[in-house]
Amino acid sequence: MKLTQLINENGRKQSPYMEGLVNHLPMGQLALYHLTEDLNKVEAYTDYYNGHFAVDPVTKDYTPATSIEGCLGKKEKYEACLDLMEKEVNTHGIDFMIEKILNAYPLGLSSGLFHVTIRLAYAKEGVSYDEALTEEVSRALAYYVTAYREVTPFYRKIPKDQIHENMLEVMKNPTVEKTLAQNDSLGQTMKSLYQSPKYLNAGFLIEESADDKVQGLLDLCLPAFDQTKSIIALHCITGLHAMLVLKDYFRDFDEALDIYTTAVITHLVSIEGIIYHKPDHEPVLRSWPELLQEGSDSKDVHTIKFTYTCHELFKRYPIEGLKTSLMHQINK
């Protein structure tokens, strides 16, 4: 079976939502193929995933939507939004629609623990393999719209070399401490923080180039993941890879990275027990072929995706910490 068949046949039947969470299958399929180029392996993993996880099916009983805007943030309108998105993609093409959605709704980049951006990036890469995956782009765009949750961006900018001390100050902020104590869920915590002027004043952005912003985020996220093995920190990293894949679609990538930075910091403050400090990236003796083999052999979809992310990020930013973090996930 072709990769396009594996992805499209499942994607047509399955919702991007799974028991209120996220259906990772199309992302796992694409990441695993990029890692191995082994269709038999992707097919076997597809069977495994479908046999172990209850993905929500798409519904055929829904009210058509009249506008994309009317579907914004409404998960129950996924199928109706997909109808609209497929028509728009067929009329205008995927590049036009990806640019349109990302620039119309940039505050939604971190929705669904960054999965909306990750799925869209993977889908776009998939089209480079086969144009038949254009329909996966439509599904990813419909998911981006219906899962939409807004970030409220920070505005205070600091040099990259001051991020760790500023992150410690954010963590000690009384508003943050009070919010974390009062809210049980990640969604409630983030909503409360974004509504707090004191928190928004305490937050920070990185004032230098796009590369500086990316490397600064890695300097925050990699040690955070190494210390906690948190799935939240992991997705801050996989989402950053997705941002780089989609870079050329943003009319102002620096601004998009600032929005993304706000979201990352707000996600990270929800994780307890992190000591923020400048990372010391010791050389890792394990080779990339060894790590790629181990990561692609995993049954954990997050390990497969994280293996792909770390390897792709390493090509752009050869930081040994990417190997270290990947080893932590593989050995988890």
C-alpha atoms as a PDB file:
ATOM      1  CA  MET A   1       0.000   0.000   0.000  1.00  0.00           C
ATOM      2  CA  LYS A   2       1.244   3.502  -0.824  1.00  0.00           C
ATOM      3  CA  LEU A   3       1.919   6.082   1.887  1.00  0.00           C
ATOM      4  CA  THR A   4      -0.791   8.310   0.455  1.00  0.00           C
ATOM      5  CA  GLN A   5      -3.339   5.496   0.770  1.00  0.00           C
ATOM      6  CA  LEU A   6      -2.350   4.763   4.366  1.00  0.00           C
ATOM      7  CA  ILE A   7      -2.728   8.409   5.362  1.00  0.00           C
ATOM      8  CA  ASN A   8      -5.763   9.348   3.291  1.00  0.00           C
ATOM      9  CA  GLU A   9      -7.826   6.222   3.908  1.00  0.00           C
ATOM     10  CA  ASN A  10      -7.465   6.674   7.665  1.00  0.00           C
ATOM     11  CA  GLY A  11      -7.762  10.451   7.526  1.00  0.00           C
ATOM     12  CA  ARG A  12     -11.079  10.297   5.684  1.00  0.00           C
ATOM     13  CA  LYS A  13     -12.556   8.117   8.423  1.00  0.00           C
ATOM     14  CA  GLN A  14     -10.907   9.585  11.505  1.00  0.00           C
ATOM     15  CA  SER A  15     -11.371  12.862  13.329  1.00  0.00           C
ATOM     16  CA  PRO A  16      -8.297  14.813  14.488  1.00  0.00           C
ATOM     17  CA  TYR A  17      -9.747  14.425  17.980  1.00  0.00           C
ATOM     18  CA  MET A  18      -9.467  11.336  20.141  1.00  0.00           C
ATOM     19  CA  GLU A  19     -11.425  11.052  23.400  1.00  0.00           C
ATOM     20  CA  GLY A  20     -11.131  14.801  23.790  1.00  0.00           C
ATOM     21  CA  LEU A  21      -7.414  14.720  23.009  1.00  0.00           C
ATOM     22  CA  VAL A  22      -5.465  14.371  19.751  1.00  0.00           C
ATOM     23  CA  ASN A  23      -5.333  11.762  16.994  1.00  0.00           C
ATOM     24  CA  HIS A  24      -1.599  11.425  16.338  1.00  0.00           C
ATOM     25  CA  LEU A  25      -1.807   8.824  13.573  1.00  0.00           C
ATOM     26  CA  PRO A  26      -1.219  10.983  10.459  1.00  0.00           C
ATOM     27  CA  MET A  27       1.694  12.733  12.143  1.00  0.00           C
ATOM     28  CA  GLY A  28       3.167   9.423  13.265  1.00  0.00           C
ATOM     29  CA  GLN A  29       2.791   7.948   9.773  1.00  0.00           C
ATOM     30  CA  LEU A  30       4.586  10.860   8.114  1.00  0.00           C
ATOM     31  CA  ALA A  31       7.346  11.060  10.732  1.00  0.00           C
ATOM     32  CA  LEU A  32       7.974   7.317  10.559  1.00  0.00           C
ATOM     33  CA  TYR A  33       8.191   7.390   6.775  1.00  0.00           C
ATOM     34  CA  HIS A  34      10.641  10.299   6.862  1.00  0.00           C
ATOM     35  CA  LEU A  35      12.790   8.332   9.324  1.00  0.00           C
ATOM     36  CA  THR A  36      12.733   4.978   7.526  1.00  0.00           C
ATOM     37  CA  GLU A  37      11.265   5.273   4.000  1.00  0.00           C
ATOM     38  CA  ASP A  38       9.833   1.843   4.820  1.00  0.00           C
ATOM     39  CA  LEU A  39       6.184   1.551   3.786  1.00  0.00           C
ATOM     40  CA  ASN A  40       5.836  -1.874   5.414  1.00  0.00           C
ATOM     41  CA  LYS A  41       6.907  -0.367   8.713  1.00  0.00           C
ATOM     42  CA  VAL A  42       4.432   2.497   8.362  1.00  0.00           C
ATOM     43  CA  GLU A  43       1.640   0.053   7.506  1.00  0.00           C
ATOM     44  CA  ALA A  44       2.464  -2.150  10.504  1.00  0.00           C
ATOM     45  CA  TYR A  45       2.514   0.890  12.786  1.00  0.00           C
ATOM     46  CA  THR A  46      -0.834   2.056  11.381  1.00  0.00           C
ATOM     47  CA  ASP A  47      -2.368  -1.303  12.255  1.00  0.00           C
ATOM     48  CA  TYR A  48      -0.835  -1.137  15.733  1.00  0.00           C
ATOM     49  CA  TYR A  49      -2.118   2.390  16.378  1.00  0.00           C
ATOM     50  CA  ASN A  50      -5.637   1.644  15.216  1.00  0.00           C
ATOM     51  CA  GLY A  51      -5.672  -1.504  17.312  1.00  0.00           C
ATOM     52  CA  HIS A  52      -4.623   0.246  20.517  1.00  0.00           C
ATOM     53  CA  PHE A  53      -6.292   3.677  20.396  1.00  0.00           C
ATOM     54  CA  ALA A  54      -9.916   4.685  19.984  1.00  0.00           C
ATOM     55  CA  VAL A  55      -9.873   7.545  17.510  1.00  0.00           C
ATOM     56  CA  ASP A  56     -13.123   9.478  17.134  1.00  0.00           C
ATOM     57  CA  PRO A  57     -14.717   8.736  13.748  1.00  0.00           C
ATOM     58  CA  VAL A  58     -15.837  11.567  11.515  1.00  0.00           C
ATOM     59  CA  THR A  59     -19.557  12.120  11.575  1.00  0.00           C
ATOM     60  CA  LYS A  60     -21.725  12.243   8.465  1.00  0.00           C
ATOM     61  CA  ASP A  61     -24.566  13.963  10.324  1.00  0.00           C
ATOM     62  CA  TYR A  62     -23.667  17.635  10.584  1.00  0.00           C
ATOM     63  CA  THR A  63     -24.933  21.053   9.610  1.00  0.00           C
ATOM     64  CA  PRO A  64     -22.952  22.669   6.770  1.00  0.00           C
ATOM     65  CA  ALA A  65     -20.949  25.771   7.689  1.00  0.00           C
ATOM     66  CA  THR A  66     -21.269  29.059   5.884  1.00  0.00           C
ATOM     67  CA  SER A  67     -17.821  30.448   6.759  1.00  0.00           C
ATOM     68  CA  ILE A  68     -14.438  29.400   8.100  1.00  0.00           C
ATOM     69  CA  GLU A  69     -14.714  32.145  10.709  1.00  0.00           C
ATOM     70  CA  GLY A  70     -17.900  30.558  12.011  1.00  0.00           C
ATOM     71  CA  CYS A  71     -16.003  27.325  12.718  1.00  0.00           C
ATOM     72  CA  LEU A  72     -13.249  29.003  14.726  1.00  0.00           C
ATOM     73  CA  GLY A  73     -12.634  27.201  18.006  1.00  0.00           C
ATOM     74  CA  LYS A  74     -15.580  24.809  17.537  1.00  0.00           C
ATOM     75  CA  LYS A  75     -14.420  21.194  17.514  1.00  0.00           C
ATOM     76  CA  GLU A  76     -17.899  19.950  16.674  1.00  0.00           C
ATOM     77  CA  LYS A  77     -17.694  21.807  13.337  1.00  0.00           C
ATOM     78  CA  TYR A  78     -14.624  19.932  12.082  1.00  0.00           C
ATOM     79  CA  GLU A  79     -16.465  18.078   9.311  1.00  0.00           C
ATOM     80  CA  ALA A  80     -18.313  21.188   8.157  1.00  0.00           C
ATOM     81  CA  CYS A  81     -15.099  23.207   8.216  1.00  0.00           C
ATOM     82  CA  LEU A  82     -13.348  20.481   6.219  1.00  0.00           C
ATOM     83  CA  ASP A  83     -15.960  20.800   3.466  1.00  0.00           C
ATOM     84  CA  LEU A  84     -15.211  24.516   3.196  1.00  0.00           C
ATOM     85  CA  MET A  85     -11.464  24.020   3.383  1.00  0.00           C
ATOM     86  CA  GLU A  86     -11.424  21.412   0.629  1.00  0.00           C
ATOM     87  CA  LYS A  87     -13.311  23.782  -1.674  1.00  0.00           C
ATOM     88  CA  GLU A  88     -10.918  26.637  -0.871  1.00  0.00           C
ATOM     89  CA  VAL A  89      -7.834  24.459  -1.380  1.00  0.00           C
ATOM     90  CA  ASN A  90      -9.182  23.150  -4.689  1.00  0.00           C
ATOM     91  CA  THR A  91      -9.857  26.720  -5.832  1.00  0.00           C
ATOM     92  CA  HIS A  92      -6.783  28.548  -4.524  1.00  0.00           C
ATOM     93  CA  GLY A  93      -4.179  25.847  -3.807  1.00  0.00           C
ATOM     94  CA  ILE A  94      -2.508  24.755  -0.593  1.00  0.00           C
ATOM     95  CA  ASP A  95       0.120  27.501  -0.452  1.00  0.00           C
ATOM     96  CA  PHE A  96      -2.494  30.238  -0.648  1.00  0.00           C
ATOM     97  CA  MET A  97      -4.658  28.625   2.042  1.00  0.00           C
ATOM     98  CA  ILE A  98      -1.838  27.819   4.458  1.00  0.00           C
ATOM     99  CA  GLU A  99      -0.643  31.424   4.237  1.00  0.00           C
ATOM    100  CA  LYS A 100      -4.191  32.720   4.619  1.00  0.00           C
ATOM    101  CA  ILE A 101      -5.019  30.682   7.722  1.00  0.00           C
ATOM    102  CA  LEU A 102      -1.691  31.155   9.496  1.00  0.00           C
ATOM    103  CA  ASN A 103      -1.734  34.912   9.009  1.00  0.00           C
ATOM    104  CA  ALA A 104      -5.438  35.317   9.787  1.00  0.00           C
ATOM    105  CA  TYR A 105      -5.186  33.275  13.009  1.00  0.00           C
ATOM    106  CA  PRO A 106      -1.573  33.367  14.227  1.00  0.00           C
ATOM    107  CA  LEU A 107      -2.667  33.475  17.867  1.00  0.00           C
ATOM    108  CA  GLY A 108      -3.787  29.848  17.524  1.00  0.00           C
ATOM    109  CA  LEU A 109      -0.325  28.387  16.881  1.00  0.00           C
ATOM    110  CA  SER A 110      -0.214  26.520  20.189  1.00  0.00           C
ATOM    111  CA  SER A 111      -3.768  25.157  20.148  1.00  0.00           C
ATOM    112  CA  GLY A 112      -4.104  21.538  21.184  1.00  0.00           C
ATOM    113  CA  LEU A 113      -0.610  21.500  22.755  1.00  0.00           C
ATOM    114  CA  PHE A 114       0.900  22.757  19.482  1.00  0.00           C
ATOM    115  CA  HIS A 115      -0.576  19.853  17.499  1.00  0.00           C
ATOM    116  CA  VAL A 116      -2.438  22.096  15.054  1.00  0.00           C
ATOM    117  CA  THR A 117       0.864  23.561  13.865  1.00  0.00           C
ATOM    118  CA  ILE A 118       2.661  20.206  13.928  1.00  0.00           C
ATOM    119  CA  ARG A 119       0.000  18.437  11.855  1.00  0.00           C
ATOM    120  CA  LEU A 120      -0.075  21.262   9.313  1.00  0.00           C
ATOM    121  CA  ALA A 121       3.719  21.220   8.951  1.00  0.00           C
ATOM    122  CA  TYR A 122       3.802  17.451   8.487  1.00  0.00           C
ATOM    123  CA  ALA A 123       0.982  17.643   5.948  1.00  0.00           C
ATOM    124  CA  LYS A 124       2.818  20.290   3.949  1.00  0.00           C
ATOM    125  CA  GLU A 125       5.941  18.127   3.897  1.00  0.00           C
ATOM    126  CA  GLY A 126       3.800  15.186   2.815  1.00  0.00           C
ATOM    127  CA  VAL A 127       2.678  17.017  -0.317  1.00  0.00           C
ATOM    128  CA  SER A 128       6.334  17.266  -1.322  1.00  0.00           C
ATOM    129  CA  TYR A 129       6.295  13.466  -1.375  1.00  0.00           C
ATOM    130  CA  ASP A 130       2.988  13.111  -3.239  1.00  0.00           C
ATOM    131  CA  GLU A 131       0.409  15.707  -4.282  1.00  0.00           C
ATOM    132  CA  ALA A 132      -2.309  13.216  -3.333  1.00  0.00           C
ATOM    133  CA  LEU A 133      -1.648  14.325   0.246  1.00  0.00           C
ATOM    134  CA  THR A 134      -3.175  17.699  -0.577  1.00  0.00           C
ATOM    135  CA  GLU A 135      -6.302  16.439   1.166  1.00  0.00           C
ATOM    136  CA  GLU A 136      -4.271  15.916   4.353  1.00  0.00           C
ATOM    137  CA  VAL A 137      -3.422  19.639   4.200  1.00  0.00           C
ATOM    138  CA  SER A 138      -7.154  20.396   4.055  1.00  0.00           C
ATOM    139  CA  ARG A 139      -7.734  18.201   7.107  1.00  0.00           C
ATOM    140  CA  ALA A 140      -4.879  19.887   8.949  1.00  0.00           C
ATOM    141  CA  LEU A 141      -6.247  23.351   8.154  1.00  0.00           C
ATOM    142  CA  ALA A 142      -9.739  22.375   9.314  1.00  0.00           C
ATOM    143  CA  TYR A 143      -8.184  21.044  12.517  1.00  0.00           C
ATOM    144  CA  TYR A 144      -6.208  24.280  13.000  1.00  0.00           C
ATOM    145  CA  VAL A 145      -9.389  26.332  12.733  1.00  0.00           C
ATOM    146  CA  THR A 146     -11.704  24.179  14.861  1.00  0.00           C
ATOM    147  CA  ALA A 147      -9.185  23.597  17.672  1.00  0.00           C
ATOM    148  CA  TYR A 148      -8.354  27.315  17.849  1.00  0.00           C
ATOM    149  CA  ARG A 149      -7.371  28.742  21.251  1.00  0.00           C
ATOM    150  CA  GLU A 150      -5.754  32.165  21.473  1.00  0.00           C
ATOM    151  CA  VAL A 151      -2.428  33.215  22.942  1.00  0.00           C
ATOM    152  CA  THR A 152      -2.173  36.714  24.424  1.00  0.00           C
ATOM    153  CA  PRO A 153       1.324  37.797  23.350  1.00  0.00           C
ATOM    154  CA  PHE A 154       4.012  39.207  25.611  1.00  0.00           C
ATOM    155  CA  TYR A 155       5.692  42.450  24.613  1.00  0.00           C
ATOM    156  CA  ARG A 156       8.789  42.924  26.830  1.00  0.00           C
ATOM    157  CA  LYS A 157      11.963  41.936  24.971  1.00  0.00           C
ATOM    158  CA  ILE A 158      15.263  40.804  26.483  1.00  0.00           C
ATOM    159  CA  PRO A 159      18.644  39.603  25.139  1.00  0.00           C
ATOM    160  CA  LYS A 160      18.975  35.868  24.573  1.00  0.00           C
ATOM    161  CA  ASP A 161      21.637  35.539  27.269  1.00  0.00           C
ATOM    162  CA  GLN A 162      19.147  36.702  29.919  1.00  0.00           C
ATOM    163  CA  ILE A 163      16.390  34.165  29.285  1.00  0.00           C
ATOM    164  CA  HIS A 164      17.176  31.819  32.161  1.00  0.00           C
ATOM    165  CA  GLU A 165      17.229  34.437  34.890  1.00  0.00           C
ATOM    166  CA  ASN A 166      14.050  35.960  33.483  1.00  0.00           C
ATOM    167  CA  MET A 167      12.371  32.549  33.344  1.00  0.00           C
ATOM    168  CA  LEU A 168      13.200  32.034  37.024  1.00  0.00           C
ATOM    169  CA  GLU A 169      11.633  35.402  37.809  1.00  0.00           C
ATOM    170  CA  VAL A 170       8.482  34.461  35.902  1.00  0.00           C
ATOM    171  CA  MET A 171       8.255  31.204  37.835  1.00  0.00           C
ATOM    172  CA  LYS A 172       8.573  33.083  41.162  1.00  0.00           C
ATOM    173  CA  ASN A 173       5.960  35.662  40.176  1.00  0.00           C
ATOM    174  CA  PRO A 174       3.132  35.649  42.789  1.00  0.00           C
ATOM    175  CA  THR A 175       0.497  35.647  40.046  1.00  0.00           C
ATOM    176  CA  VAL A 176       2.002  32.511  38.513  1.00  0.00           C
ATOM    177  CA  GLU A 177       2.279  30.745  41.865  1.00  0.00           C
ATOM    178  CA  LYS A 178      -1.319  31.611  42.740  1.00  0.00           C
ATOM    179  CA  THR A 179      -2.648  30.565  39.333  1.00  0.00           C
ATOM    180  CA  LEU A 180      -0.856  27.214  39.420  1.00  0.00           C
ATOM    181  CA  ALA A 181      -2.270  26.526  42.895  1.00  0.00           C
ATOM    182  CA  GLN A 182      -5.841  27.400  41.889  1.00  0.00           C
ATOM    183  CA  ASN A 183      -6.166  25.587  38.538  1.00  0.00           C
ATOM    184  CA  ASP A 184      -6.088  21.850  37.935  1.00  0.00           C
ATOM    185  CA  SER A 185      -5.891  21.643  34.147  1.00  0.00           C
ATOM    186  CA  LEU A 186      -3.376  23.032  31.688  1.00  0.00           C
ATOM    187  CA  GLY A 187      -6.141  24.771  29.751  1.00  0.00           C
ATOM    188  CA  GLN A 188      -7.506  26.513  32.851  1.00  0.00           C
ATOM    189  CA  THR A 189      -4.011  27.543  33.924  1.00  0.00           C
ATOM    190  CA  MET A 190      -3.147  29.077  30.576  1.00  0.00           C
ATOM    191  CA  LYS A 191      -6.473  30.853  30.248  1.00  0.00           C
ATOM    192  CA  SER A 192      -6.040  32.428  33.682  1.00  0.00           C
ATOM    193  CA  LEU A 193      -2.468  33.489  32.939  1.00  0.00           C
ATOM    194  CA  TYR A 194      -3.349  35.076  29.606  1.00  0.00           C
ATOM    195  CA  GLN A 195      -6.064  37.092  31.367  1.00  0.00           C
ATOM    196  CA  SER A 196      -3.617  38.453  33.965  1.00  0.00           C
ATOM    197  CA  PRO A 197      -1.946  41.820  33.189  1.00  0.00           C
ATOM    198  CA  LYS A 198       0.648  41.089  35.888  1.00  0.00           C
ATOM    199  CA  TYR A 199       1.622  37.849  34.174  1.00  0.00           C
ATOM    200  CA  LEU A 200       1.754  39.483  30.739  1.00  0.00           C
ATOM    201  CA  ASN A 201       4.011  42.202  32.188  1.00  0.00           C
ATOM    202  CA  ALA A 202       6.330  39.575  33.670  1.00  0.00           C
ATOM    203  CA  GLY A 203       6.620  37.524  30.478  1.00  0.00           C
ATOM    204  CA  PHE A 204       9.367  38.122  27.947  1.00  0.00           C
ATOM    205  CA  LEU A 205      10.367  37.742  24.316  1.00  0.00           C
ATOM    206  CA  ILE A 206      13.817  37.396  22.744  1.00  0.00           C
ATOM    207  CA  GLU A 207      14.860  40.610  21.034  1.00  0.00           C
ATOM    208  CA  GLU A 208      17.372  39.385  18.448  1.00  0.00           C
ATOM    209  CA  SER A 209      17.156  37.533  15.117  1.00  0.00           C
ATOM    210  CA  ALA A 210      14.912  34.606  14.276  1.00  0.00           C
ATOM    211  CA  ASP A 211      17.871  32.246  14.755  1.00  0.00           C
ATOM    212  CA  ASP A 212      18.520  33.756  18.177  1.00  0.00           C
ATOM    213  CA  LYS A 213      14.874  33.262  19.099  1.00  0.00           C
ATOM    214  CA  VAL A 214      14.962  29.607  18.019  1.00  0.00           C
ATOM    215  CA  GLN A 215      18.202  28.878  19.845  1.00  0.00           C
ATOM    216  CA  GLY A 216      16.940  30.686  22.933  1.00  0.00           C
ATOM    217  CA  LEU A 217      13.804  28.549  22.946  1.00  0.00           C
ATOM    218  CA  LEU A 218      15.903  25.406  22.625  1.00  0.00           C
ATOM    219  CA  ASP A 219      18.055  26.595  25.541  1.00  0.00           C
ATOM    220  CA  LEU A 220      14.858  26.757  27.620  1.00  0.00           C
ATOM    221  CA  CYS A 221      13.050  23.692  26.353  1.00  0.00           C
ATOM    222  CA  LEU A 222      15.779  21.053  26.127  1.00  0.00           C
ATOM    223  CA  PRO A 223      16.859  21.296  29.801  1.00  0.00           C
ATOM    224  CA  ALA A 224      13.207  21.513  30.837  1.00  0.00           C
ATOM    225  CA  PHE A 225      12.521  18.255  29.041  1.00  0.00           C
ATOM    226  CA  ASP A 226      15.673  16.581  30.333  1.00  0.00           C
ATOM    227  CA  GLN A 227      14.738  17.380  33.931  1.00  0.00           C
ATOM    228  CA  THR A 228      11.075  16.399  33.756  1.00  0.00           C
ATOM    229  CA  LYS A 229      10.499  14.190  30.663  1.00  0.00           C
ATOM    230  CA  SER A 230       7.313  16.255  30.413  1.00  0.00           C
ATOM    231  CA  ILE A 231       5.085  15.721  27.408  1.00  0.00           C
ATOM    232  CA  ILE A 232       4.400  19.470  27.528  1.00  0.00           C
ATOM    233  CA  ALA A 233       8.079  20.348  27.104  1.00  0.00           C
ATOM    234  CA  LEU A 234       8.374  17.732  24.354  1.00  0.00           C
ATOM    235  CA  HIS A 235       5.632  19.394  22.331  1.00  0.00           C
ATOM    236  CA  CYS A 236       7.207  22.819  22.777  1.00  0.00           C
ATOM    237  CA  ILE A 237      10.188  21.337  20.885  1.00  0.00           C
ATOM    238  CA  THR A 238       8.240  19.440  18.206  1.00  0.00           C
ATOM    239  CA  GLY A 239       6.149  22.551  17.645  1.00  0.00           C
ATOM    240  CA  LEU A 240       9.283  24.631  17.119  1.00  0.00           C
ATOM    241  CA  HIS A 241      10.358  22.256  14.349  1.00  0.00           C
ATOM    242  CA  ALA A 242       6.911  22.714  12.786  1.00  0.00           C
ATOM    243  CA  MET A 243       7.289  26.499  12.902  1.00  0.00           C
ATOM    244  CA  LEU A 244      10.513  26.238  10.926  1.00  0.00           C
ATOM    245  CA  VAL A 245       8.847  24.011   8.320  1.00  0.00           C
ATOM    246  CA  LEU A 246       6.109  26.621   7.896  1.00  0.00           C
ATOM    247  CA  LYS A 247       8.440  29.631   8.121  1.00  0.00           C
ATOM    248  CA  ASP A 248       7.923  30.953   4.594  1.00  0.00           C
ATOM    249  CA  TYR A 249       4.132  31.127   4.997  1.00  0.00           C
ATOM    250  CA  PHE A 250       4.271  33.787   7.706  1.00  0.00           C
ATOM    251  CA  ARG A 251       4.280  37.353   6.473  1.00  0.00           C
ATOM    252  CA  ASP A 252       6.287  38.274   9.582  1.00  0.00           C
ATOM    253  CA  PHE A 253       8.126  35.236  10.925  1.00  0.00           C
ATOM    254  CA  ASP A 254       9.738  37.238  13.756  1.00  0.00           C
ATOM    255  CA  GLU A 255       6.284  38.174  15.011  1.00  0.00           C
ATOM    256  CA  ALA A 256       5.099  34.580  14.662  1.00  0.00           C
ATOM    257  CA  LEU A 257       8.085  33.426  16.735  1.00  0.00           C
ATOM    258  CA  ASP A 258       7.198  36.005  19.389  1.00  0.00           C
ATOM    259  CA  ILE A 259       3.689  34.549  19.596  1.00  0.00           C
ATOM    260  CA  TYR A 260       5.196  31.086  19.734  1.00  0.00           C
ATOM    261  CA  THR A 261       7.632  32.162  22.473  1.00  0.00           C
ATOM    262  CA  THR A 262       4.751  33.453  24.578  1.00  0.00           C
ATOM    263  CA  ALA A 263       2.987  30.120  24.213  1.00  0.00           C
ATOM    264  CA  VAL A 264       6.112  28.118  25.059  1.00  0.00           C
ATOM    265  CA  ILE A 265       6.848  30.094  28.210  1.00  0.00           C
ATOM    266  CA  THR A 266       3.226  29.831  29.325  1.00  0.00           C
ATOM    267  CA  HIS A 267       3.269  26.080  28.787  1.00  0.00           C
ATOM    268  CA  LEU A 268       6.592  25.694  30.578  1.00  0.00           C
ATOM    269  CA  VAL A 269       5.487  27.598  33.680  1.00  0.00           C
ATOM    270  CA  SER A 270       2.835  24.929  34.207  1.00  0.00           C
ATOM    271  CA  ILE A 271       5.548  22.290  34.720  1.00  0.00           C
ATOM    272  CA  GLU A 272       6.825  22.039  38.275  1.00  0.00           C
ATOM    273  CA  GLY A 273      10.350  21.258  39.390  1.00  0.00           C
ATOM    274  CA  ILE A 274      12.421  22.823  36.612  1.00  0.00           C
ATOM    275  CA  ILE A 275      15.640  24.649  37.480  1.00  0.00           C
ATOM    276  CA  TYR A 276      16.373  26.988  34.590  1.00  0.00           C
ATOM    277  CA  HIS A 277      20.028  27.471  33.750  1.00  0.00           C
ATOM    278  CA  LYS A 278      22.192  27.776  30.659  1.00  0.00           C
ATOM    279  CA  PRO A 279      22.599  24.228  29.338  1.00  0.00           C
ATOM    280  CA  ASP A 280      25.982  22.567  29.116  1.00  0.00           C
ATOM    281  CA  HIS A 281      25.749  20.336  26.066  1.00  0.00           C
ATOM    282  CA  GLU A 282      28.215  17.502  26.588  1.00  0.00           C
ATOM    283  CA  PRO A 283      29.199  15.491  23.486  1.00  0.00           C
ATOM    284  CA  VAL A 284      26.969  12.461  22.932  1.00  0.00           C
ATOM    285  CA  LEU A 285      28.731   9.323  21.763  1.00  0.00           C
ATOM    286  CA  ARG A 286      25.650   7.752  20.193  1.00  0.00           C
ATOM    287  CA  SER A 287      25.453   8.243  16.441  1.00  0.00           C
ATOM    288  CA  TRP A 288      22.423   9.562  14.616  1.00  0.00           C
ATOM    289  CA  PRO A 289      21.896   6.273  12.717  1.00  0.00           C
ATOM    290  CA  GLU A 290      21.710   4.472  16.068  1.00  0.00           C
ATOM    291  CA  LEU A 291      19.277   6.991  17.531  1.00  0.00           C
ATOM    292  CA  LEU A 292      17.105   7.017  14.404  1.00  0.00           C
ATOM    293  CA  GLN A 293      16.900   3.234  14.439  1.00  0.00           C
ATOM    294  CA  GLU A 294      15.892   3.105  18.103  1.00  0.00           C
ATOM    295  CA  GLY A 295      13.411   5.948  17.777  1.00  0.00           C
ATOM    296  CA  SER A 296      11.713   4.517  14.702  1.00  0.00           C
ATOM    297  CA  ASP A 297      11.413   1.097  16.360  1.00  0.00           C
ATOM    298  CA  SER A 298       9.352   2.575  19.206  1.00  0.00           C
ATOM    299  CA  LYS A 299       5.625   1.963  19.534  1.00  0.00           C
ATOM    300  CA  ASP A 300       5.215   5.358  21.228  1.00  0.00           C
ATOM    301  CA  VAL A 301       4.055   7.894  18.639  1.00  0.00           C
ATOM    302  CA  HIS A 302       5.631  10.709  20.637  1.00  0.00           C
ATOM    303  CA  THR A 303       9.011   9.002  20.470  1.00  0.00           C
ATOM    304  CA  ILE A 304       8.672   8.583  16.703  1.00  0.00           C
ATOM    305  CA  LYS A 305       7.749  12.240  16.248  1.00  0.00           C
ATOM    306  CA  PHE A 306      10.423  13.448  18.672  1.00  0.00           C
ATOM    307  CA  THR A 307      13.087  11.417  16.870  1.00  0.00           C
ATOM    308  CA  TYR A 308      12.116  13.080  13.608  1.00  0.00           C
ATOM    309  CA  THR A 309      12.028  16.538  15.221  1.00  0.00           C
ATOM    310  CA  CYS A 310      15.398  16.268  16.969  1.00  0.00           C
ATOM    311  CA  HIS A 311      17.127  15.026  13.828  1.00  0.00           C
ATOM    312  CA  GLU A 312      15.623  17.761  11.660  1.00  0.00           C
ATOM    313  CA  LEU A 313      16.449  20.471  14.207  1.00  0.00           C
ATOM    314  CA  PHE A 314      20.005  19.148  14.497  1.00  0.00           C
ATOM    315  CA  LYS A 315      20.490  19.687  10.756  1.00  0.00           C
ATOM    316  CA  ARG A 316      19.757  23.386  11.296  1.00  0.00           C
ATOM    317  CA  TYR A 317      21.142  23.820  14.819  1.00  0.00           C
ATOM    318  CA  PRO A 318      23.794  21.165  15.608  1.00  0.00           C
ATOM    319  CA  ILE A 319      23.247  21.222  19.372  1.00  0.00           C
ATOM    320  CA  GLU A 320      24.330  18.099  21.226  1.00  0.00           C
ATOM    321  CA  GLY A 321      21.449  18.650  23.639  1.00  0.00           C
ATOM    322  CA  LEU A 322      19.057  17.475  20.925  1.00  0.00           C
ATOM    323  CA  LYS A 323      20.710  14.053  21.058  1.00  0.00           C
ATOM    324  CA  THR A 324      20.622  14.066  24.860  1.00  0.00           C
ATOM    325  CA  SER A 325      16.914  14.877  24.988  1.00  0.00           C
ATOM    326  CA  LEU A 326      16.123  12.260  22.359  1.00  0.00           C
ATOM    327  CA  MET A 327      17.984   9.639  24.367  1.00  0.00           C
ATOM    328  CA  HIS A 328      15.898  10.563  27.414  1.00  0.00           C
ATOM    329  CA  GLN A 329      12.701  10.025  25.418  1.00  0.00           C
ATOM    330  CA  ILE A 330      13.857   6.759  23.865  1.00  0.00           C
ATOM    331  CA  ASN A 331      14.864   5.421  27.300  1.00  0.00           C
ATOM    332  CA  LYS A 332      11.742   6.748  29.031  1.00  0.00           C
END
